[in-house]
Amino acid sequence: MPAAPSPRANRAPARGEDSARDKVFATARDLFYREGFRAVGVDAVVAASGVAKTTLYRWFPTKDDLVLAVLDSRDEEFWTQWEATAERYVGQPREELLAQIRWISRYIGGAESRGCAFLNAAAEFPDPSHAVRDKVARNKRTLRRRLLSLCMAAGAADAALLADQLVLMIDGAFAGSEALGKNGPAKVLQRAAQAAIDTALPAK
């Protein structure tokens, strides 16, 4: 099993160090998402960022540290957007469900989207004991838990079933957008989710 991330990878930068660290991190985040976690090596990150390899290793002693930090960043970004959406629909769980699906659908259809970073990572790190797989599982468990909470609040007779349907639709749209393109089945995520929600929830 890979070693746990080094504490140094999470240490706040000292003055004068933050710019180099941010450049390395932003470059890795972009390359990993566009080209794959396994396909992009440390040398490629160094070359693209223009930062010395010793600087990269000062902050991220192993490539796994860098991958895990990138996944943490992706996770935080996703849930920040989720919370921003939730704040606009306080006390309106049905409307929030639809709104969450809308922004996810827009993200999937965006020009820069290359699927779900967590599903991509799961495919590239098949060892279930790898720390990356724990990050993936945490993200997906949180997605299901939040959807379940909304389904229950909205009055679904079988909230667990509806939540699982929505998880499958979301993940299927992410994966389908890569396999069949953004104009394939992924484009009907909103309509499919709307139909499932309308069927499962009491009529308004």
N, C-alpha and C. Protein backbone atom coordinates (compact mmCIF):
# COMPACT_ATOMS: atom_id res chain seq x y z
N MET A 1 0.85 -1.20 0.00
CA MET A 1 0.00 0.00 0.00
C MET A 1 0.88 1.24 0.00
N PRO A 2 0.59 2.26 -0.84
CA PRO A 2 1.43 3.46 -0.88
C PRO A 2 1.44 4.18 0.45
N ALA A 3 2.53 4.86 0.70
CA ALA A 3 2.65 5.62 1.95
C ALA A 3 1.63 6.73 1.97
N ALA A 4 1.27 7.15 3.16
CA ALA A 4 0.35 8.28 3.31
C ALA A 4 1.04 9.53 2.81
N PRO A 5 0.25 10.53 2.35
CA PRO A 5 0.85 11.76 1.88
C PRO A 5 1.75 12.39 2.92
N SER A 6 2.85 12.96 2.47
CA SER A 6 3.78 13.62 3.37
C SER A 6 3.15 14.86 3.97
N PRO A 7 3.34 15.12 5.27
CA PRO A 7 2.81 16.34 5.87
C PRO A 7 3.29 17.59 5.15
N ARG A 8 4.49 17.50 4.54
CA ARG A 8 5.03 18.66 3.85
C ARG A 8 4.13 19.08 2.68
N ALA A 9 3.45 18.10 2.07
CA ALA A 9 2.61 18.42 0.93
C ALA A 9 1.44 19.31 1.32
N ASN A 10 1.10 19.31 2.61
CA ASN A 10 -0.02 20.12 3.08
C ASN A 10 0.43 21.34 3.88
N ARG A 11 1.75 21.51 4.01
CA ARG A 11 2.26 22.64 4.78
C ARG A 11 2.03 23.95 4.02
N ALA A 12 1.64 25.00 4.75
CA ALA A 12 1.43 26.29 4.11
C ALA A 12 2.76 26.84 3.61
N PRO A 13 2.79 27.41 2.40
CA PRO A 13 4.04 27.95 1.87
C PRO A 13 4.56 29.11 2.71
N ALA A 14 5.87 29.17 2.83
CA ALA A 14 6.49 30.33 3.45
C ALA A 14 6.57 31.45 2.42
N ARG A 15 6.83 32.66 2.88
CA ARG A 15 6.92 33.79 1.97
C ARG A 15 8.00 33.52 0.91
N GLY A 16 7.67 33.81 -0.35
CA GLY A 16 8.61 33.59 -1.43
C GLY A 16 8.53 32.22 -2.06
N GLU A 17 7.83 31.29 -1.39
CA GLU A 17 7.72 29.94 -1.91
C GLU A 17 6.37 29.68 -2.57
N ASP A 18 5.37 30.49 -2.22
CA ASP A 18 4.02 30.19 -2.66
C ASP A 18 3.87 30.24 -4.17
N SER A 19 4.56 31.16 -4.84
CA SER A 19 4.41 31.29 -6.28
C SER A 19 4.89 30.04 -7.01
N ALA A 20 6.04 29.52 -6.64
CA ALA A 20 6.58 28.32 -7.28
C ALA A 20 5.68 27.12 -6.99
N ARG A 21 5.25 26.99 -5.75
CA ARG A 21 4.38 25.86 -5.40
C ARG A 21 3.08 25.94 -6.18
N ASP A 22 2.48 27.13 -6.24
CA ASP A 22 1.23 27.29 -6.95
C ASP A 22 1.38 26.97 -8.43
N LYS A 23 2.51 27.34 -9.00
CA LYS A 23 2.74 27.08 -10.41
C LYS A 23 2.84 25.57 -10.67
N VAL A 24 3.58 24.88 -9.82
CA VAL A 24 3.70 23.43 -9.94
C VAL A 24 2.32 22.78 -9.80
N PHE A 25 1.61 23.20 -8.78
CA PHE A 25 0.32 22.58 -8.49
C PHE A 25 -0.68 22.83 -9.62
N ALA A 26 -0.78 24.06 -10.09
CA ALA A 26 -1.72 24.39 -11.16
C ALA A 26 -1.39 23.63 -12.44
N THR A 27 -0.11 23.49 -12.72
CA THR A 27 0.30 22.75 -13.92
C THR A 27 -0.08 21.29 -13.80
N ALA A 28 0.22 20.68 -12.65
CA ALA A 28 -0.11 19.27 -12.45
C ALA A 28 -1.63 19.06 -12.50
N ARG A 29 -2.37 19.95 -11.89
CA ARG A 29 -3.83 19.84 -11.87
C ARG A 29 -4.39 19.82 -13.28
N ASP A 30 -3.88 20.70 -14.12
CA ASP A 30 -4.34 20.78 -15.50
C ASP A 30 -3.91 19.56 -16.31
N LEU A 31 -2.64 19.20 -16.21
CA LEU A 31 -2.13 18.08 -17.00
C LEU A 31 -2.75 16.75 -16.59
N PHE A 32 -2.88 16.52 -15.30
CA PHE A 32 -3.49 15.27 -14.83
C PHE A 32 -4.90 15.11 -15.38
N TYR A 33 -5.65 16.21 -15.38
CA TYR A 33 -7.04 16.13 -15.83
C TYR A 33 -7.13 15.95 -17.34
N ARG A 34 -6.31 16.66 -18.09
CA ARG A 34 -6.38 16.60 -19.55
C ARG A 34 -5.75 15.34 -20.13
N GLU A 35 -4.64 14.88 -19.51
CA GLU A 35 -3.88 13.80 -20.13
C GLU A 35 -3.83 12.51 -19.32
N GLY A 36 -4.23 12.57 -18.06
CA GLY A 36 -4.27 11.37 -17.24
C GLY A 36 -3.23 11.37 -16.14
N PHE A 37 -3.60 10.82 -15.00
CA PHE A 37 -2.71 10.79 -13.85
C PHE A 37 -1.48 9.93 -14.11
N ARG A 38 -1.68 8.80 -14.75
CA ARG A 38 -0.56 7.89 -15.02
C ARG A 38 0.29 8.38 -16.18
N ALA A 39 -0.35 8.99 -17.18
CA ALA A 39 0.37 9.39 -18.39
C ALA A 39 1.34 10.54 -18.13
N VAL A 40 1.02 11.38 -17.17
CA VAL A 40 1.84 12.57 -16.89
C VAL A 40 2.81 12.26 -15.77
N GLY A 41 4.09 12.35 -16.08
CA GLY A 41 5.11 12.12 -15.07
C GLY A 41 5.60 13.41 -14.45
N VAL A 42 6.40 13.27 -13.43
CA VAL A 42 6.95 14.44 -12.75
C VAL A 42 7.77 15.30 -13.71
N ASP A 43 8.50 14.67 -14.60
CA ASP A 43 9.31 15.43 -15.55
C ASP A 43 8.45 16.32 -16.44
N ALA A 44 7.28 15.82 -16.83
CA ALA A 44 6.38 16.61 -17.66
C ALA A 44 5.84 17.82 -16.88
N VAL A 45 5.54 17.63 -15.62
CA VAL A 45 5.06 18.74 -14.78
C VAL A 45 6.16 19.79 -14.63
N VAL A 46 7.37 19.33 -14.39
CA VAL A 46 8.51 20.24 -14.25
C VAL A 46 8.72 21.04 -15.53
N ALA A 47 8.71 20.34 -16.67
CA ALA A 47 8.94 21.02 -17.95
C ALA A 47 7.86 22.05 -18.25
N ALA A 48 6.61 21.69 -17.99
CA ALA A 48 5.50 22.59 -18.31
C ALA A 48 5.41 23.77 -17.35
N SER A 49 5.81 23.56 -16.11
CA SER A 49 5.71 24.63 -15.11
C SER A 49 6.92 25.55 -15.12
N GLY A 50 8.05 25.04 -15.61
CA GLY A 50 9.27 25.83 -15.58
C GLY A 50 9.89 25.94 -14.21
N VAL A 51 9.46 25.09 -13.29
CA VAL A 51 9.97 25.09 -11.92
C VAL A 51 10.92 23.91 -11.75
N ALA A 52 11.97 24.10 -11.01
CA ALA A 52 12.97 23.04 -10.82
C ALA A 52 12.36 21.82 -10.13
N LYS A 53 12.88 20.66 -10.49
CA LYS A 53 12.38 19.42 -9.90
C LYS A 53 12.59 19.41 -8.39
N THR A 54 13.68 20.00 -7.93
CA THR A 54 13.92 20.04 -6.48
C THR A 54 12.84 20.84 -5.77
N THR A 55 12.33 21.86 -6.44
CA THR A 55 11.24 22.66 -5.85
C THR A 55 9.96 21.84 -5.78
N LEU A 56 9.68 21.09 -6.83
CA LEU A 56 8.49 20.23 -6.81
C LEU A 56 8.57 19.24 -5.66
N TYR A 57 9.74 18.59 -5.54
CA TYR A 57 9.88 17.57 -4.49
C TYR A 57 9.92 18.18 -3.09
N ARG A 58 10.23 19.45 -3.00
CA ARG A 58 10.21 20.10 -1.68
C ARG A 58 8.79 20.11 -1.14
N TRP A 59 7.82 20.29 -2.05
CA TRP A 59 6.42 20.36 -1.63
C TRP A 59 5.70 19.04 -1.76
N PHE A 60 6.07 18.27 -2.76
CA PHE A 60 5.40 17.00 -3.03
C PHE A 60 6.47 15.92 -3.18
N PRO A 61 6.88 15.30 -2.08
CA PRO A 61 8.00 14.36 -2.09
C PRO A 61 7.81 13.17 -3.02
N THR A 62 6.56 12.81 -3.32
CA THR A 62 6.30 11.73 -4.27
C THR A 62 5.21 12.19 -5.23
N LYS A 63 5.12 11.51 -6.36
CA LYS A 63 4.05 11.84 -7.30
C LYS A 63 2.69 11.58 -6.66
N ASP A 64 2.58 10.53 -5.85
CA ASP A 64 1.32 10.25 -5.17
C ASP A 64 0.87 11.43 -4.32
N ASP A 65 1.82 12.10 -3.66
CA ASP A 65 1.46 13.28 -2.87
C ASP A 65 0.81 14.34 -3.76
N LEU A 66 1.36 14.51 -4.95
CA LEU A 66 0.84 15.51 -5.88
C LEU A 66 -0.54 15.10 -6.39
N VAL A 67 -0.71 13.85 -6.74
CA VAL A 67 -2.00 13.35 -7.21
C VAL A 67 -3.07 13.54 -6.13
N LEU A 68 -2.75 13.18 -4.91
CA LEU A 68 -3.72 13.30 -3.82
C LEU A 68 -4.08 14.75 -3.54
N ALA A 69 -3.10 15.63 -3.63
CA ALA A 69 -3.37 17.06 -3.43
C ALA A 69 -4.29 17.59 -4.53
N VAL A 70 -4.06 17.15 -5.75
CA VAL A 70 -4.92 17.57 -6.86
C VAL A 70 -6.35 17.08 -6.65
N LEU A 71 -6.51 15.84 -6.22
CA LEU A 71 -7.85 15.32 -5.97
C LEU A 71 -8.54 16.07 -4.83
N ASP A 72 -7.78 16.43 -3.81
CA ASP A 72 -8.36 17.24 -2.73
C ASP A 72 -8.87 18.57 -3.27
N SER A 73 -8.10 19.16 -4.17
CA SER A 73 -8.49 20.43 -4.77
C SER A 73 -9.75 20.28 -5.61
N ARG A 74 -9.82 19.22 -6.39
CA ARG A 74 -11.01 18.95 -7.21
C ARG A 74 -12.24 18.74 -6.33
N ASP A 75 -12.05 18.01 -5.25
CA ASP A 75 -13.15 17.74 -4.32
C ASP A 75 -13.65 19.04 -3.70
N GLU A 76 -12.74 19.87 -3.25
CA GLU A 76 -13.13 21.14 -2.64
C GLU A 76 -13.86 22.03 -3.64
N GLU A 77 -13.38 22.07 -4.86
CA GLU A 77 -14.01 22.88 -5.90
C GLU A 77 -15.44 22.42 -6.18
N PHE A 78 -15.63 21.10 -6.26
CA PHE A 78 -16.96 20.56 -6.54
C PHE A 78 -17.94 20.93 -5.43
N TRP A 79 -17.52 20.73 -4.18
CA TRP A 79 -18.45 20.98 -3.09
C TRP A 79 -18.65 22.46 -2.80
N THR A 80 -17.70 23.29 -3.18
CA THR A 80 -17.90 24.74 -3.08
C THR A 80 -19.02 25.17 -4.02
N GLN A 81 -19.01 24.63 -5.24
CA GLN A 81 -20.08 24.95 -6.19
C GLN A 81 -21.41 24.38 -5.70
N TRP A 82 -21.38 23.19 -5.15
CA TRP A 82 -22.60 22.58 -4.60
C TRP A 82 -23.20 23.47 -3.51
N GLU A 83 -22.36 23.93 -2.58
CA GLU A 83 -22.84 24.76 -1.48
C GLU A 83 -23.39 26.09 -1.98
N ALA A 84 -22.73 26.66 -2.99
CA ALA A 84 -23.21 27.93 -3.55
C ALA A 84 -24.60 27.74 -4.15
N THR A 85 -24.82 26.61 -4.79
CA THR A 85 -26.14 26.31 -5.35
C THR A 85 -27.16 26.08 -4.24
N ALA A 86 -26.76 25.33 -3.21
CA ALA A 86 -27.66 25.03 -2.10
C ALA A 86 -28.15 26.30 -1.41
N GLU A 87 -27.28 27.29 -1.30
CA GLU A 87 -27.64 28.53 -0.61
C GLU A 87 -28.78 29.27 -1.31
N ARG A 88 -28.96 29.02 -2.59
CA ARG A 88 -30.02 29.70 -3.33
C ARG A 88 -31.36 28.99 -3.21
N TYR A 89 -31.35 27.79 -2.62
CA TYR A 89 -32.59 27.01 -2.55
C TYR A 89 -32.84 26.46 -1.15
N VAL A 90 -32.53 27.26 -0.16
CA VAL A 90 -32.75 26.84 1.22
C VAL A 90 -34.24 26.56 1.44
N GLY A 91 -34.55 25.39 1.99
CA GLY A 91 -35.93 25.03 2.25
C GLY A 91 -36.70 24.58 1.01
N GLN A 92 -36.02 24.39 -0.12
CA GLN A 92 -36.66 23.95 -1.36
C GLN A 92 -35.91 22.74 -1.92
N PRO A 93 -36.01 21.59 -1.26
CA PRO A 93 -35.19 20.45 -1.66
C PRO A 93 -35.43 19.96 -3.08
N ARG A 94 -36.67 19.98 -3.52
CA ARG A 94 -36.96 19.54 -4.90
C ARG A 94 -36.27 20.46 -5.90
N GLU A 95 -36.42 21.75 -5.70
CA GLU A 95 -35.80 22.72 -6.60
C GLU A 95 -34.28 22.64 -6.53
N GLU A 96 -33.75 22.38 -5.32
CA GLU A 96 -32.30 22.26 -5.20
C GLU A 96 -31.79 21.04 -5.95
N LEU A 97 -32.49 19.92 -5.84
CA LEU A 97 -32.09 18.73 -6.58
C LEU A 97 -31.92 19.05 -8.07
N LEU A 98 -32.92 19.70 -8.63
CA LEU A 98 -32.88 20.03 -10.05
C LEU A 98 -31.76 21.03 -10.35
N ALA A 99 -31.55 21.97 -9.45
CA ALA A 99 -30.49 22.96 -9.67
C ALA A 99 -29.11 22.34 -9.61
N GLN A 100 -28.92 21.39 -8.68
CA GLN A 100 -27.62 20.72 -8.60
C GLN A 100 -27.35 19.93 -9.89
N ILE A 101 -28.37 19.25 -10.39
CA ILE A 101 -28.22 18.50 -11.63
C ILE A 101 -27.92 19.45 -12.80
N ARG A 102 -28.55 20.62 -12.80
CA ARG A 102 -28.34 21.57 -13.90
C ARG A 102 -26.89 22.00 -14.01
N TRP A 103 -26.28 22.39 -12.86
CA TRP A 103 -24.91 22.89 -12.97
C TRP A 103 -23.94 21.76 -13.28
N ILE A 104 -24.22 20.57 -12.77
CA ILE A 104 -23.36 19.43 -13.10
C ILE A 104 -23.46 19.12 -14.60
N SER A 105 -24.66 19.19 -15.13
CA SER A 105 -24.87 18.94 -16.56
C SER A 105 -24.14 19.98 -17.40
N ARG A 106 -24.20 21.23 -16.97
CA ARG A 106 -23.49 22.29 -17.70
C ARG A 106 -21.98 22.06 -17.66
N TYR A 107 -21.50 21.62 -16.50
CA TYR A 107 -20.07 21.34 -16.37
C TYR A 107 -19.65 20.22 -17.31
N ILE A 108 -20.42 19.15 -17.33
CA ILE A 108 -20.10 18.01 -18.19
C ILE A 108 -20.08 18.43 -19.66
N GLY A 109 -20.99 19.31 -20.04
CA GLY A 109 -21.07 19.75 -21.43
C GLY A 109 -20.09 20.83 -21.80
N GLY A 110 -19.33 21.34 -20.83
CA GLY A 110 -18.39 22.42 -21.09
C GLY A 110 -17.22 22.00 -21.96
N ALA A 111 -16.65 22.97 -22.65
CA ALA A 111 -15.56 22.69 -23.58
C ALA A 111 -14.33 22.12 -22.89
N GLU A 112 -14.09 22.50 -21.64
CA GLU A 112 -12.89 22.06 -20.93
C GLU A 112 -13.08 20.77 -20.16
N SER A 113 -14.31 20.27 -20.13
CA SER A 113 -14.58 19.07 -19.32
C SER A 113 -14.00 17.82 -19.98
N ARG A 114 -13.34 17.02 -19.16
CA ARG A 114 -12.87 15.71 -19.62
C ARG A 114 -13.33 14.65 -18.61
N GLY A 115 -14.63 14.71 -18.34
CA GLY A 115 -15.20 13.73 -17.43
C GLY A 115 -14.98 14.06 -15.97
N CYS A 116 -15.21 13.06 -15.14
CA CYS A 116 -15.06 13.20 -13.69
C CYS A 116 -13.64 12.83 -13.28
N ALA A 117 -12.95 13.73 -12.63
CA ALA A 117 -11.57 13.46 -12.21
C ALA A 117 -11.49 12.24 -11.30
N PHE A 118 -12.54 12.00 -10.52
CA PHE A 118 -12.52 10.89 -9.58
C PHE A 118 -12.76 9.55 -10.28
N LEU A 119 -13.67 9.52 -11.24
CA LEU A 119 -13.85 8.30 -12.02
C LEU A 119 -12.60 8.01 -12.85
N ASN A 120 -12.00 9.06 -13.39
CA ASN A 120 -10.75 8.88 -14.14
C ASN A 120 -9.67 8.28 -13.25
N ALA A 121 -9.57 8.82 -12.04
CA ALA A 121 -8.55 8.33 -11.11
C ALA A 121 -8.81 6.87 -10.72
N ALA A 122 -10.08 6.52 -10.50
CA ALA A 122 -10.42 5.14 -10.13
C ALA A 122 -9.99 4.17 -11.22
N ALA A 123 -10.16 4.58 -12.48
CA ALA A 123 -9.78 3.71 -13.60
C ALA A 123 -8.26 3.56 -13.69
N GLU A 124 -7.54 4.60 -13.29
CA GLU A 124 -6.09 4.58 -13.44
C GLU A 124 -5.36 3.98 -12.24
N PHE A 125 -6.06 3.86 -11.12
CA PHE A 125 -5.46 3.29 -9.91
C PHE A 125 -6.33 2.10 -9.47
N PRO A 126 -6.13 0.94 -10.07
CA PRO A 126 -7.01 -0.20 -9.81
C PRO A 126 -6.86 -0.83 -8.43
N ASP A 127 -5.73 -0.60 -7.76
CA ASP A 127 -5.50 -1.20 -6.45
C ASP A 127 -6.45 -0.58 -5.42
N PRO A 128 -7.39 -1.36 -4.89
CA PRO A 128 -8.37 -0.79 -3.95
C PRO A 128 -7.74 -0.27 -2.66
N SER A 129 -6.50 -0.67 -2.37
CA SER A 129 -5.86 -0.21 -1.14
C SER A 129 -5.07 1.08 -1.35
N HIS A 130 -5.00 1.56 -2.57
CA HIS A 130 -4.26 2.79 -2.85
C HIS A 130 -4.98 3.98 -2.25
N ALA A 131 -4.23 4.93 -1.75
CA ALA A 131 -4.83 6.11 -1.12
C ALA A 131 -5.72 6.89 -2.08
N VAL A 132 -5.42 6.84 -3.37
CA VAL A 132 -6.25 7.54 -4.35
C VAL A 132 -7.68 6.99 -4.34
N ARG A 133 -7.79 5.67 -4.19
CA ARG A 133 -9.13 5.06 -4.20
C ARG A 133 -9.95 5.51 -3.01
N ASP A 134 -9.30 5.82 -1.91
CA ASP A 134 -10.01 6.34 -0.74
C ASP A 134 -10.57 7.72 -1.04
N LYS A 135 -9.80 8.55 -1.74
CA LYS A 135 -10.28 9.88 -2.14
C LYS A 135 -11.50 9.75 -3.05
N VAL A 136 -11.42 8.82 -3.99
CA VAL A 136 -12.54 8.61 -4.91
C VAL A 136 -13.78 8.18 -4.14
N ALA A 137 -13.63 7.20 -3.26
CA ALA A 137 -14.77 6.69 -2.50
C ALA A 137 -15.39 7.78 -1.63
N ARG A 138 -14.57 8.59 -1.02
CA ARG A 138 -15.08 9.66 -0.16
C ARG A 138 -15.92 10.65 -0.96
N ASN A 139 -15.43 11.02 -2.15
CA ASN A 139 -16.16 11.95 -2.99
C ASN A 139 -17.51 11.37 -3.40
N LYS A 140 -17.52 10.11 -3.81
CA LYS A 140 -18.76 9.50 -4.29
C LYS A 140 -19.73 9.20 -3.14
N ARG A 141 -19.20 8.84 -1.99
CA ARG A 141 -20.08 8.63 -0.83
C ARG A 141 -20.74 9.94 -0.41
N THR A 142 -19.96 11.03 -0.48
CA THR A 142 -20.53 12.33 -0.13
C THR A 142 -21.61 12.74 -1.11
N LEU A 143 -21.37 12.48 -2.40
CA LEU A 143 -22.39 12.79 -3.41
C LEU A 143 -23.68 12.04 -3.11
N ARG A 144 -23.58 10.74 -2.84
CA ARG A 144 -24.78 9.96 -2.57
C ARG A 144 -25.47 10.44 -1.29
N ARG A 145 -24.68 10.74 -0.25
CA ARG A 145 -25.25 11.18 1.02
C ARG A 145 -26.01 12.49 0.85
N ARG A 146 -25.44 13.41 0.10
CA ARG A 146 -26.10 14.70 -0.09
C ARG A 146 -27.36 14.56 -0.94
N LEU A 147 -27.29 13.75 -1.96
CA LEU A 147 -28.48 13.52 -2.77
C LEU A 147 -29.56 12.83 -1.96
N LEU A 148 -29.18 11.85 -1.14
CA LEU A 148 -30.14 11.14 -0.31
C LEU A 148 -30.83 12.10 0.66
N SER A 149 -30.06 12.99 1.25
CA SER A 149 -30.63 13.96 2.18
C SER A 149 -31.68 14.83 1.49
N LEU A 150 -31.39 15.27 0.27
CA LEU A 150 -32.33 16.10 -0.48
C LEU A 150 -33.57 15.29 -0.88
N CYS A 151 -33.36 14.05 -1.28
CA CYS A 151 -34.50 13.20 -1.68
C CYS A 151 -35.43 12.96 -0.49
N MET A 152 -34.85 12.74 0.68
CA MET A 152 -35.66 12.54 1.89
C MET A 152 -36.42 13.82 2.23
N ALA A 153 -35.71 14.95 2.18
CA ALA A 153 -36.35 16.22 2.52
C ALA A 153 -37.47 16.57 1.54
N ALA A 154 -37.32 16.13 0.30
CA ALA A 154 -38.34 16.43 -0.71
C ALA A 154 -39.54 15.51 -0.63
N GLY A 155 -39.46 14.45 0.19
CA GLY A 155 -40.60 13.58 0.41
C GLY A 155 -40.68 12.36 -0.48
N ALA A 156 -39.53 11.92 -1.04
CA ALA A 156 -39.55 10.73 -1.88
C ALA A 156 -39.95 9.51 -1.07
N ALA A 157 -40.84 8.69 -1.62
CA ALA A 157 -41.28 7.48 -0.91
C ALA A 157 -40.12 6.51 -0.73
N ASP A 158 -39.28 6.41 -1.74
CA ASP A 158 -38.07 5.58 -1.65
C ASP A 158 -36.88 6.47 -1.97
N ALA A 159 -36.46 7.22 -0.96
CA ALA A 159 -35.40 8.21 -1.16
C ALA A 159 -34.08 7.56 -1.57
N ALA A 160 -33.78 6.39 -1.01
CA ALA A 160 -32.53 5.71 -1.34
C ALA A 160 -32.49 5.33 -2.81
N LEU A 161 -33.61 4.84 -3.32
CA LEU A 161 -33.67 4.45 -4.72
C LEU A 161 -33.46 5.66 -5.63
N LEU A 162 -34.14 6.75 -5.32
CA LEU A 162 -34.00 7.96 -6.14
C LEU A 162 -32.57 8.48 -6.09
N ALA A 163 -31.98 8.50 -4.89
CA ALA A 163 -30.60 8.98 -4.77
C ALA A 163 -29.66 8.12 -5.60
N ASP A 164 -29.85 6.81 -5.54
CA ASP A 164 -28.98 5.92 -6.32
C ASP A 164 -29.19 6.12 -7.82
N GLN A 165 -30.42 6.34 -8.24
CA GLN A 165 -30.67 6.61 -9.65
C GLN A 165 -29.94 7.87 -10.11
N LEU A 166 -29.98 8.89 -9.27
CA LEU A 166 -29.34 10.16 -9.64
C LEU A 166 -27.81 10.02 -9.67
N VAL A 167 -27.25 9.27 -8.71
CA VAL A 167 -25.81 9.02 -8.73
C VAL A 167 -25.42 8.31 -10.03
N LEU A 168 -26.19 7.29 -10.40
CA LEU A 168 -25.89 6.55 -11.62
C LEU A 168 -26.02 7.45 -12.85
N MET A 169 -27.00 8.31 -12.86
CA MET A 169 -27.17 9.22 -14.00
C MET A 169 -26.00 10.20 -14.10
N ILE A 170 -25.60 10.76 -12.97
CA ILE A 170 -24.51 11.72 -12.97
C ILE A 170 -23.21 11.06 -13.42
N ASP A 171 -22.88 9.93 -12.78
CA ASP A 171 -21.64 9.26 -13.15
C ASP A 171 -21.70 8.72 -14.57
N GLY A 172 -22.87 8.26 -14.99
CA GLY A 172 -23.02 7.79 -16.36
C GLY A 172 -22.83 8.91 -17.36
N ALA A 173 -23.33 10.11 -17.03
CA ALA A 173 -23.16 11.25 -17.93
C ALA A 173 -21.69 11.65 -18.01
N PHE A 174 -21.00 11.63 -16.87
CA PHE A 174 -19.57 11.94 -16.88
C PHE A 174 -18.82 10.96 -17.79
N ALA A 175 -19.06 9.67 -17.57
CA ALA A 175 -18.36 8.65 -18.35
C ALA A 175 -18.80 8.67 -19.81
N GLY A 176 -20.09 8.84 -20.04
CA GLY A 176 -20.61 8.85 -21.40
C GLY A 176 -20.11 10.01 -22.23
N SER A 177 -19.87 11.14 -21.57
CA SER A 177 -19.37 12.31 -22.32
C SER A 177 -17.99 12.04 -22.89
N GLU A 178 -17.22 11.18 -22.24
CA GLU A 178 -15.90 10.82 -22.74
C GLU A 178 -15.98 9.73 -23.79
N ALA A 179 -16.87 8.76 -23.58
CA ALA A 179 -16.96 7.63 -24.51
C ALA A 179 -17.70 7.97 -25.80
N LEU A 180 -18.78 8.75 -25.67
CA LEU A 180 -19.65 9.01 -26.81
C LEU A 180 -19.78 10.49 -27.16
N GLY A 181 -19.05 11.33 -26.47
CA GLY A 181 -19.08 12.75 -26.77
C GLY A 181 -20.15 13.51 -26.02
N LYS A 182 -20.01 14.81 -25.99
CA LYS A 182 -20.92 15.64 -25.22
C LYS A 182 -22.32 15.72 -25.83
N ASN A 183 -22.43 15.36 -27.10
CA ASN A 183 -23.74 15.36 -27.74
C ASN A 183 -24.37 13.97 -27.77
N GLY A 184 -23.76 13.03 -27.05
CA GLY A 184 -24.32 11.69 -26.92
C GLY A 184 -25.33 11.66 -25.78
N PRO A 185 -25.51 10.51 -25.17
CA PRO A 185 -26.49 10.37 -24.08
C PRO A 185 -26.26 11.33 -22.91
N ALA A 186 -25.03 11.79 -22.72
CA ALA A 186 -24.75 12.70 -21.60
C ALA A 186 -25.59 13.96 -21.64
N LYS A 187 -25.99 14.37 -22.84
CA LYS A 187 -26.72 15.64 -22.95
C LYS A 187 -28.14 15.56 -22.38
N VAL A 188 -28.63 14.34 -22.13
CA VAL A 188 -30.00 14.23 -21.60
C VAL A 188 -30.01 14.04 -20.09
N LEU A 189 -28.90 14.30 -19.43
CA LEU A 189 -28.85 14.14 -17.97
C LEU A 189 -29.97 14.90 -17.28
N GLN A 190 -30.14 16.18 -17.62
CA GLN A 190 -31.17 16.97 -16.95
C GLN A 190 -32.56 16.39 -17.17
N ARG A 191 -32.87 16.01 -18.37
CA ARG A 191 -34.20 15.48 -18.68
C ARG A 191 -34.43 14.15 -17.98
N ALA A 192 -33.42 13.31 -17.95
CA ALA A 192 -33.56 12.01 -17.29
C ALA A 192 -33.74 12.18 -15.79
N ALA A 193 -32.96 13.08 -15.21
CA ALA A 193 -33.07 13.34 -13.77
C ALA A 193 -34.43 13.94 -13.44
N GLN A 194 -34.89 14.87 -14.28
CA GLN A 194 -36.20 15.49 -14.06
C GLN A 194 -37.30 14.43 -14.06
N ALA A 195 -37.22 13.50 -14.99
CA ALA A 195 -38.24 12.44 -15.08
C ALA A 195 -38.22 11.56 -13.84
N ALA A 196 -37.03 11.21 -13.38
CA ALA A 196 -36.92 10.36 -12.18
C ALA A 196 -37.44 11.09 -10.95
N ILE A 197 -37.11 12.36 -10.83
CA ILE A 197 -37.55 13.15 -9.68
C ILE A 197 -39.06 13.33 -9.70
N ASP A 198 -39.63 13.64 -10.86
CA ASP A 198 -41.08 13.82 -10.97
C ASP A 198 -41.82 12.54 -10.64
N THR A 199 -41.25 11.39 -11.02
CA THR A 199 -41.89 10.12 -10.74
C THR A 199 -41.83 9.76 -9.27
N ALA A 200 -40.70 10.08 -8.63
CA ALA A 200 -40.46 9.64 -7.25
C ALA A 200 -41.07 10.58 -6.20
N LEU A 201 -41.25 11.84 -6.56
CA LEU A 201 -41.72 12.80 -5.57
C LEU A 201 -43.21 13.08 -5.72
N PRO A 202 -43.84 13.48 -4.64
CA PRO A 202 -45.28 13.81 -4.71
C PRO A 202 -45.51 14.96 -5.70
N ALA A 203 -46.64 14.94 -6.36
CA ALA A 203 -46.98 16.02 -7.29
C ALA A 203 -47.05 17.34 -6.54
N LYS A 204 -46.59 18.39 -7.17
CA LYS A 204 -46.60 19.71 -6.52
C LYS A 204 -48.00 20.29 -6.50
